[in-house]
Amino acid sequence: MKYRYHDFAHYNLKDPLDELLFIICSTKTDEANYRKTFRALKDSFPTHLMIAEAPAEYIAMTIARGGLSNQKSKAIRNLLDAVVDQFGEPSLEPLRAMSDKGAEAFLLALPGVGKKIARCVLMYSLDRQVFPVDTHCWRISRRLGWVRPTQKDRHCAPRDMDRLQSKIPPELRYSLHVNFISLGREICTAHAPRCQECPVAAWCHRVGVARGR
């Protein structure tokens, strides 16, 4: 897969606070929309301080194209308020001096930040060797037989994320994450996956069952 997708980074950002805002903008909208939504936010409020001082309704107007603008603007305000309360300014740069465990704990304490989001920030913006488990990573890992869900509804619980991360060598986590996203979008889709085109079909339990092996 590395040679098919070349570790494509999916437009994520090196500033950890920008990455958090980018993820909020991406909620329940397609890629083209959330990239434009985030750009509109940054064009209207070029600095983090300007966003931190803006009323939620002003933020909502700038991100309306991405949908759920009132909900997302409140999430942005709550997030920035919490960061300023902790660090005295709208910045997550102090995370760079923290351990992986400490930085993840801080992010998880922020309003609206779960383990997947925290690890996206750690991996993309802070270059930490973690493995965020999004819907594509979870689906493909299950089909490969790497992990079984512990929840009745089969969703990925935080402990499942930890179990899956522990199975992946640290040096492979970034590459595997971004390639799984590309594979999940193009081939290993939730419905009607294109198994005949899949570069990892030889190791897939789903394909093996279908072929009767």
C-alpha atoms as a PDB file:
ATOM      1  CA  MET A   1       0.000   0.000   0.000  1.00  0.00           C
ATOM      2  CA  LYS A   2       2.897   2.364   0.680  1.00  0.00           C
ATOM      3  CA  TYR A   3       3.778   2.244  -3.003  1.00  0.00           C
ATOM      4  CA  ARG A   4       0.171   2.780  -4.078  1.00  0.00           C
ATOM      5  CA  TYR A   5      -0.604   5.819  -1.914  1.00  0.00           C
ATOM      6  CA  HIS A   6       2.883   7.119  -1.003  1.00  0.00           C
ATOM      7  CA  ASP A   7       1.983   7.993   2.605  1.00  0.00           C
ATOM      8  CA  PHE A   8      -0.448  10.704   1.530  1.00  0.00           C
ATOM      9  CA  ALA A   9      -0.981  13.029   4.502  1.00  0.00           C
ATOM     10  CA  HIS A  10      -4.629  13.995   3.867  1.00  0.00           C
ATOM     11  CA  TYR A  11      -4.060  17.757   4.282  1.00  0.00           C
ATOM     12  CA  ASN A  12      -3.466  17.620   8.026  1.00  0.00           C
ATOM     13  CA  LEU A  13      -1.625  20.479   9.723  1.00  0.00           C
ATOM     14  CA  LYS A  14       1.610  20.886  11.655  1.00  0.00           C
ATOM     15  CA  ASP A  15       0.266  23.385  14.175  1.00  0.00           C
ATOM     16  CA  PRO A  16      -1.542  21.307  16.839  1.00  0.00           C
ATOM     17  CA  LEU A  17      -4.243  23.912  17.486  1.00  0.00           C
ATOM     18  CA  ASP A  18      -4.875  24.340  13.760  1.00  0.00           C
ATOM     19  CA  GLU A  19      -5.176  20.563  13.529  1.00  0.00           C
ATOM     20  CA  LEU A  20      -7.848  20.526  16.243  1.00  0.00           C
ATOM     21  CA  LEU A  21      -9.791  23.300  14.504  1.00  0.00           C
ATOM     22  CA  PHE A  22      -9.406  21.475  11.181  1.00  0.00           C
ATOM     23  CA  ILE A  23     -10.859  18.302  12.703  1.00  0.00           C
ATOM     24  CA  ILE A  24     -13.836  20.208  14.127  1.00  0.00           C
ATOM     25  CA  CYS A  25     -14.491  21.701  10.683  1.00  0.00           C
ATOM     26  CA  SER A  26     -14.319  18.213   9.128  1.00  0.00           C
ATOM     27  CA  THR A  27     -17.140  16.758  11.238  1.00  0.00           C
ATOM     28  CA  LYS A  28     -19.937  15.272   9.120  1.00  0.00           C
ATOM     29  CA  THR A  29     -18.936  16.876   5.844  1.00  0.00           C
ATOM     30  CA  ASP A  30     -16.929  15.825   2.807  1.00  0.00           C
ATOM     31  CA  GLU A  31     -13.263  16.589   2.241  1.00  0.00           C
ATOM     32  CA  ALA A  32     -13.709  19.399  -0.282  1.00  0.00           C
ATOM     33  CA  ASN A  33     -16.179  21.139   2.002  1.00  0.00           C
ATOM     34  CA  TYR A  34     -14.198  20.925   5.213  1.00  0.00           C
ATOM     35  CA  ARG A  35     -10.998  22.129   3.585  1.00  0.00           C
ATOM     36  CA  LYS A  36     -12.834  25.192   2.274  1.00  0.00           C
ATOM     37  CA  THR A  37     -14.553  25.655   5.647  1.00  0.00           C
ATOM     38  CA  PHE A  38     -11.261  25.669   7.521  1.00  0.00           C
ATOM     39  CA  ARG A  39      -9.746  28.043   4.961  1.00  0.00           C
ATOM     40  CA  ALA A  40     -12.717  30.403   5.408  1.00  0.00           C
ATOM     41  CA  LEU A  41     -12.213  30.310   9.180  1.00  0.00           C
ATOM     42  CA  LYS A  42      -8.532  31.188   8.845  1.00  0.00           C
ATOM     43  CA  ASP A  43      -9.200  33.890   6.259  1.00  0.00           C
ATOM     44  CA  SER A  44     -11.735  35.554   8.562  1.00  0.00           C
ATOM     45  CA  PHE A  45      -9.619  35.106  11.710  1.00  0.00           C
ATOM     46  CA  PRO A  46      -5.942  34.898  10.670  1.00  0.00           C
ATOM     47  CA  THR A  47      -4.612  34.331  14.204  1.00  0.00           C
ATOM     48  CA  HIS A  48      -5.651  31.997  16.985  1.00  0.00           C
ATOM     49  CA  LEU A  49      -6.104  35.000  19.261  1.00  0.00           C
ATOM     50  CA  MET A  50      -8.646  36.490  16.857  1.00  0.00           C
ATOM     51  CA  ILE A  51     -10.632  33.236  16.864  1.00  0.00           C
ATOM     52  CA  ALA A  52     -10.377  33.023  20.651  1.00  0.00           C
ATOM     53  CA  GLU A  53     -11.825  36.525  21.020  1.00  0.00           C
ATOM     54  CA  ALA A  54     -14.608  36.100  18.443  1.00  0.00           C
ATOM     55  CA  PRO A  55     -18.203  35.436  19.579  1.00  0.00           C
ATOM     56  CA  ALA A  56     -19.531  32.007  18.639  1.00  0.00           C
ATOM     57  CA  GLU A  57     -22.103  33.510  16.267  1.00  0.00           C
ATOM     58  CA  TYR A  58     -19.361  35.235  14.248  1.00  0.00           C
ATOM     59  CA  ILE A  59     -17.425  31.998  13.995  1.00  0.00           C
ATOM     60  CA  ALA A  60     -20.605  30.202  12.898  1.00  0.00           C
ATOM     61  CA  MET A  61     -21.095  32.611   9.997  1.00  0.00           C
ATOM     62  CA  THR A  62     -17.629  31.884   8.602  1.00  0.00           C
ATOM     63  CA  ILE A  63     -17.975  28.086   8.736  1.00  0.00           C
ATOM     64  CA  ALA A  64     -21.603  27.800   7.608  1.00  0.00           C
ATOM     65  CA  ARG A  65     -20.755  26.007   4.362  1.00  0.00           C
ATOM     66  CA  GLY A  66     -19.553  22.959   6.286  1.00  0.00           C
ATOM     67  CA  GLY A  67     -22.881  22.380   8.070  1.00  0.00           C
ATOM     68  CA  LEU A  68     -23.610  22.188  11.803  1.00  0.00           C
ATOM     69  CA  SER A  69     -22.083  25.657  12.101  1.00  0.00           C
ATOM     70  CA  ASN A  70     -23.727  26.561  15.412  1.00  0.00           C
ATOM     71  CA  GLN A  71     -22.620  23.297  17.003  1.00  0.00           C
ATOM     72  CA  LYS A  72     -19.101  23.553  15.597  1.00  0.00           C
ATOM     73  CA  SER A  73     -18.684  27.215  16.554  1.00  0.00           C
ATOM     74  CA  LYS A  74     -19.621  26.428  20.160  1.00  0.00           C
ATOM     75  CA  ALA A  75     -17.156  23.539  20.154  1.00  0.00           C
ATOM     76  CA  ILE A  76     -14.430  25.886  18.904  1.00  0.00           C
ATOM     77  CA  ARG A  77     -15.230  28.455  21.579  1.00  0.00           C
ATOM     78  CA  ASN A  78     -15.262  25.854  24.367  1.00  0.00           C
ATOM     79  CA  LEU A  79     -12.002  24.373  23.144  1.00  0.00           C
ATOM     80  CA  LEU A  80     -10.195  27.701  22.906  1.00  0.00           C
ATOM     81  CA  ASP A  81     -11.498  28.849  26.289  1.00  0.00           C
ATOM     82  CA  ALA A  82     -10.097  25.688  27.878  1.00  0.00           C
ATOM     83  CA  VAL A  83      -6.709  26.103  26.181  1.00  0.00           C
ATOM     84  CA  VAL A  84      -6.432  29.749  27.246  1.00  0.00           C
ATOM     85  CA  ASP A  85      -7.414  28.832  30.805  1.00  0.00           C
ATOM     86  CA  GLN A  86      -4.605  26.287  30.900  1.00  0.00           C
ATOM     87  CA  PHE A  87      -1.795  28.042  29.028  1.00  0.00           C
ATOM     88  CA  GLY A  88      -2.779  31.718  29.162  1.00  0.00           C
ATOM     89  CA  GLU A  89      -2.946  31.975  25.390  1.00  0.00           C
ATOM     90  CA  PRO A  90      -4.594  30.131  22.466  1.00  0.00           C
ATOM     91  CA  SER A  91      -1.680  27.811  21.708  1.00  0.00           C
ATOM     92  CA  LEU A  92      -0.895  24.138  22.078  1.00  0.00           C
ATOM     93  CA  GLU A  93       2.852  24.583  21.571  1.00  0.00           C
ATOM     94  CA  PRO A  94       3.550  23.550  25.221  1.00  0.00           C
ATOM     95  CA  LEU A  95       2.505  20.025  24.219  1.00  0.00           C
ATOM     96  CA  ARG A  96       5.770  19.644  22.323  1.00  0.00           C
ATOM     97  CA  ALA A  97       7.667  19.490  25.613  1.00  0.00           C
ATOM     98  CA  MET A  98       5.341  16.861  27.098  1.00  0.00           C
ATOM     99  CA  SER A  99       5.653  13.095  26.920  1.00  0.00           C
ATOM    100  CA  ASP A 100       3.275  11.175  24.654  1.00  0.00           C
ATOM    101  CA  LYS A 101       1.269  10.112  27.683  1.00  0.00           C
ATOM    102  CA  GLY A 102       1.150  13.605  29.153  1.00  0.00           C
ATOM    103  CA  ALA A 103       0.209  15.295  25.879  1.00  0.00           C
ATOM    104  CA  GLU A 104      -2.520  12.744  25.207  1.00  0.00           C
ATOM    105  CA  ALA A 105      -3.941  13.180  28.715  1.00  0.00           C
ATOM    106  CA  PHE A 106      -4.034  16.949  28.262  1.00  0.00           C
ATOM    107  CA  LEU A 107      -5.818  16.688  24.912  1.00  0.00           C
ATOM    108  CA  LEU A 108      -8.338  14.202  26.292  1.00  0.00           C
ATOM    109  CA  ALA A 109      -9.186  16.674  29.049  1.00  0.00           C
ATOM    110  CA  LEU A 110     -10.236  19.293  26.484  1.00  0.00           C
ATOM    111  CA  PRO A 111     -13.972  19.549  25.724  1.00  0.00           C
ATOM    112  CA  GLY A 112     -15.053  17.392  22.805  1.00  0.00           C
ATOM    113  CA  VAL A 113     -11.694  15.680  22.310  1.00  0.00           C
ATOM    114  CA  GLY A 114     -11.712  11.881  22.275  1.00  0.00           C
ATOM    115  CA  LYS A 115      -8.895   9.412  21.828  1.00  0.00           C
ATOM    116  CA  LYS A 116      -8.999   9.356  18.021  1.00  0.00           C
ATOM    117  CA  ILE A 117      -8.814  13.156  17.773  1.00  0.00           C
ATOM    118  CA  ALA A 118      -6.096  13.368  20.417  1.00  0.00           C
ATOM    119  CA  ARG A 119      -3.952  10.852  18.584  1.00  0.00           C
ATOM    120  CA  CYS A 120      -4.497  12.590  15.234  1.00  0.00           C
ATOM    121  CA  VAL A 121      -3.054  15.754  16.776  1.00  0.00           C
ATOM    122  CA  LEU A 122      -0.207  13.802  18.346  1.00  0.00           C
ATOM    123  CA  MET A 123       0.662  12.019  15.108  1.00  0.00           C
ATOM    124  CA  TYR A 124       0.137  14.696  12.463  1.00  0.00           C
ATOM    125  CA  SER A 125       1.191  17.809  14.378  1.00  0.00           C
ATOM    126  CA  LEU A 126       3.615  16.550  17.021  1.00  0.00           C
ATOM    127  CA  ASP A 127       5.227  13.652  15.133  1.00  0.00           C
ATOM    128  CA  ARG A 128       4.452  11.134  17.864  1.00  0.00           C
ATOM    129  CA  GLN A 129       4.371   7.427  17.049  1.00  0.00           C
ATOM    130  CA  VAL A 130       0.716   6.771  17.848  1.00  0.00           C
ATOM    131  CA  PHE A 131      -2.050   5.147  15.809  1.00  0.00           C
ATOM    132  CA  PRO A 132      -5.358   7.049  15.540  1.00  0.00           C
ATOM    133  CA  VAL A 133      -8.201   4.632  14.813  1.00  0.00           C
ATOM    134  CA  ASP A 134     -10.784   6.196  12.533  1.00  0.00           C
ATOM    135  CA  THR A 135     -13.649   4.357  10.856  1.00  0.00           C
ATOM    136  CA  HIS A 136     -11.453   3.150   7.967  1.00  0.00           C
ATOM    137  CA  CYS A 137      -8.639   1.879  10.205  1.00  0.00           C
ATOM    138  CA  TRP A 138     -11.160   0.090  12.410  1.00  0.00           C
ATOM    139  CA  ARG A 139     -13.008  -1.542   9.511  1.00  0.00           C
ATOM    140  CA  ILE A 140      -9.869  -2.744   7.725  1.00  0.00           C
ATOM    141  CA  SER A 141      -8.207  -4.004  10.899  1.00  0.00           C
ATOM    142  CA  ARG A 142     -11.284  -6.074  11.708  1.00  0.00           C
ATOM    143  CA  ARG A 143     -11.443  -7.495   8.183  1.00  0.00           C
ATOM    144  CA  LEU A 144      -7.778  -8.450   8.436  1.00  0.00           C
ATOM    145  CA  GLY A 145      -8.507 -10.191  11.721  1.00  0.00           C
ATOM    146  CA  TRP A 146      -6.165  -8.022  13.766  1.00  0.00           C
ATOM    147  CA  VAL A 147      -8.722  -7.071  16.400  1.00  0.00           C
ATOM    148  CA  ARG A 148     -12.225  -7.966  17.518  1.00  0.00           C
ATOM    149  CA  PRO A 149     -14.729  -5.431  18.850  1.00  0.00           C
ATOM    150  CA  THR A 150     -15.570  -5.557  22.516  1.00  0.00           C
ATOM    151  CA  GLN A 151     -18.833  -3.612  22.164  1.00  0.00           C
ATOM    152  CA  LYS A 152     -22.175  -5.170  21.212  1.00  0.00           C
ATOM    153  CA  ASP A 153     -22.725  -2.557  18.515  1.00  0.00           C
ATOM    154  CA  ARG A 154     -19.192  -3.326  17.198  1.00  0.00           C
ATOM    155  CA  HIS A 155     -18.030   0.290  17.362  1.00  0.00           C
ATOM    156  CA  CYS A 156     -14.445   1.038  18.354  1.00  0.00           C
ATOM    157  CA  ALA A 157     -14.229   1.708  22.075  1.00  0.00           C
ATOM    158  CA  PRO A 158     -11.202   3.522  23.571  1.00  0.00           C
ATOM    159  CA  ARG A 159      -9.809   0.237  24.917  1.00  0.00           C
ATOM    160  CA  ASP A 160     -10.072  -1.235  21.403  1.00  0.00           C
ATOM    161  CA  MET A 161      -7.999   1.681  20.104  1.00  0.00           C
ATOM    162  CA  ASP A 162      -5.346   0.910  22.695  1.00  0.00           C
ATOM    163  CA  ARG A 163      -5.371  -2.801  21.843  1.00  0.00           C
ATOM    164  CA  LEU A 164      -4.994  -2.122  18.133  1.00  0.00           C
ATOM    165  CA  GLN A 165      -2.265   0.462  18.618  1.00  0.00           C
ATOM    166  CA  SER A 166      -0.282  -1.982  20.761  1.00  0.00           C
ATOM    167  CA  LYS A 167      -0.217  -4.496  17.879  1.00  0.00           C
ATOM    168  CA  ILE A 168       1.415  -2.062  15.437  1.00  0.00           C
ATOM    169  CA  PRO A 169       5.157  -1.316  15.614  1.00  0.00           C
ATOM    170  CA  PRO A 170       5.647   2.395  16.409  1.00  0.00           C
ATOM    171  CA  GLU A 171       7.699   3.069  13.294  1.00  0.00           C
ATOM    172  CA  LEU A 172       4.840   1.817  11.063  1.00  0.00           C
ATOM    173  CA  ARG A 173       1.938   3.636  12.715  1.00  0.00           C
ATOM    174  CA  TYR A 174       1.933   6.818  10.625  1.00  0.00           C
ATOM    175  CA  SER A 175       2.326   5.047   7.295  1.00  0.00           C
ATOM    176  CA  LEU A 176      -0.282   2.424   8.133  1.00  0.00           C
ATOM    177  CA  HIS A 177      -2.801   5.007   9.340  1.00  0.00           C
ATOM    178  CA  VAL A 178      -2.683   7.204   6.244  1.00  0.00           C
ATOM    179  CA  ASN A 179      -2.617   4.227   3.879  1.00  0.00           C
ATOM    180  CA  PHE A 180      -5.572   2.580   5.611  1.00  0.00           C
ATOM    181  CA  ILE A 181      -7.550   5.793   5.163  1.00  0.00           C
ATOM    182  CA  SER A 182      -6.752   5.852   1.449  1.00  0.00           C
ATOM    183  CA  LEU A 183      -7.524   2.146   1.088  1.00  0.00           C
ATOM    184  CA  GLY A 184     -10.786   2.501   3.005  1.00  0.00           C
ATOM    185  CA  ARG A 185     -11.964   5.394   0.876  1.00  0.00           C
ATOM    186  CA  GLU A 186     -11.062   3.831  -2.466  1.00  0.00           C
ATOM    187  CA  ILE A 187     -11.308   0.045  -2.135  1.00  0.00           C
ATOM    188  CA  CYS A 188     -12.102  -1.387   1.307  1.00  0.00           C
ATOM    189  CA  THR A 189     -15.322   0.575   1.649  1.00  0.00           C
ATOM    190  CA  ALA A 190     -18.011  -0.124   4.224  1.00  0.00           C
ATOM    191  CA  HIS A 191     -20.440  -1.316   1.540  1.00  0.00           C
ATOM    192  CA  ALA A 192     -19.571  -3.211  -1.653  1.00  0.00           C
ATOM    193  CA  PRO A 193     -15.786  -3.268  -1.141  1.00  0.00           C
ATOM    194  CA  ARG A 194     -13.742  -3.859  -4.297  1.00  0.00           C
ATOM    195  CA  CYS A 195     -11.935  -6.913  -2.949  1.00  0.00           C
ATOM    196  CA  GLN A 196     -10.655  -8.031  -6.358  1.00  0.00           C
ATOM    197  CA  GLU A 197      -8.583  -4.826  -6.547  1.00  0.00           C
ATOM    198  CA  CYS A 198      -7.342  -4.844  -2.958  1.00  0.00           C
ATOM    199  CA  PRO A 199      -3.542  -4.999  -2.500  1.00  0.00           C
ATOM    200  CA  VAL A 200      -3.947  -6.795   0.868  1.00  0.00           C
ATOM    201  CA  ALA A 201      -6.730  -9.222  -0.126  1.00  0.00           C
ATOM    202  CA  ALA A 202      -4.404 -12.200   0.391  1.00  0.00           C
ATOM    203  CA  TRP A 203      -4.391 -11.504   4.133  1.00  0.00           C
ATOM    204  CA  CYS A 204      -8.046 -10.529   4.515  1.00  0.00           C
ATOM    205  CA  HIS A 205     -10.367 -12.740   6.556  1.00  0.00           C
ATOM    206  CA  ARG A 206     -13.421 -11.332   4.760  1.00  0.00           C
ATOM    207  CA  VAL A 207     -12.057 -12.395   1.375  1.00  0.00           C
ATOM    208  CA  GLY A 208     -11.017 -15.783   2.771  1.00  0.00           C
ATOM    209  CA  VAL A 209     -14.537 -16.483   4.032  1.00  0.00           C
ATOM    210  CA  ALA A 210     -16.035 -15.460   0.689  1.00  0.00           C
ATOM    211  CA  ARG A 211     -13.642 -17.834  -1.096  1.00  0.00           C
ATOM    212  CA  GLY A 212     -14.344 -20.661   1.340  1.00  0.00           C
ATOM    213  CA  ARG A 213     -10.837 -21.029   2.661  1.00  0.00           C
END
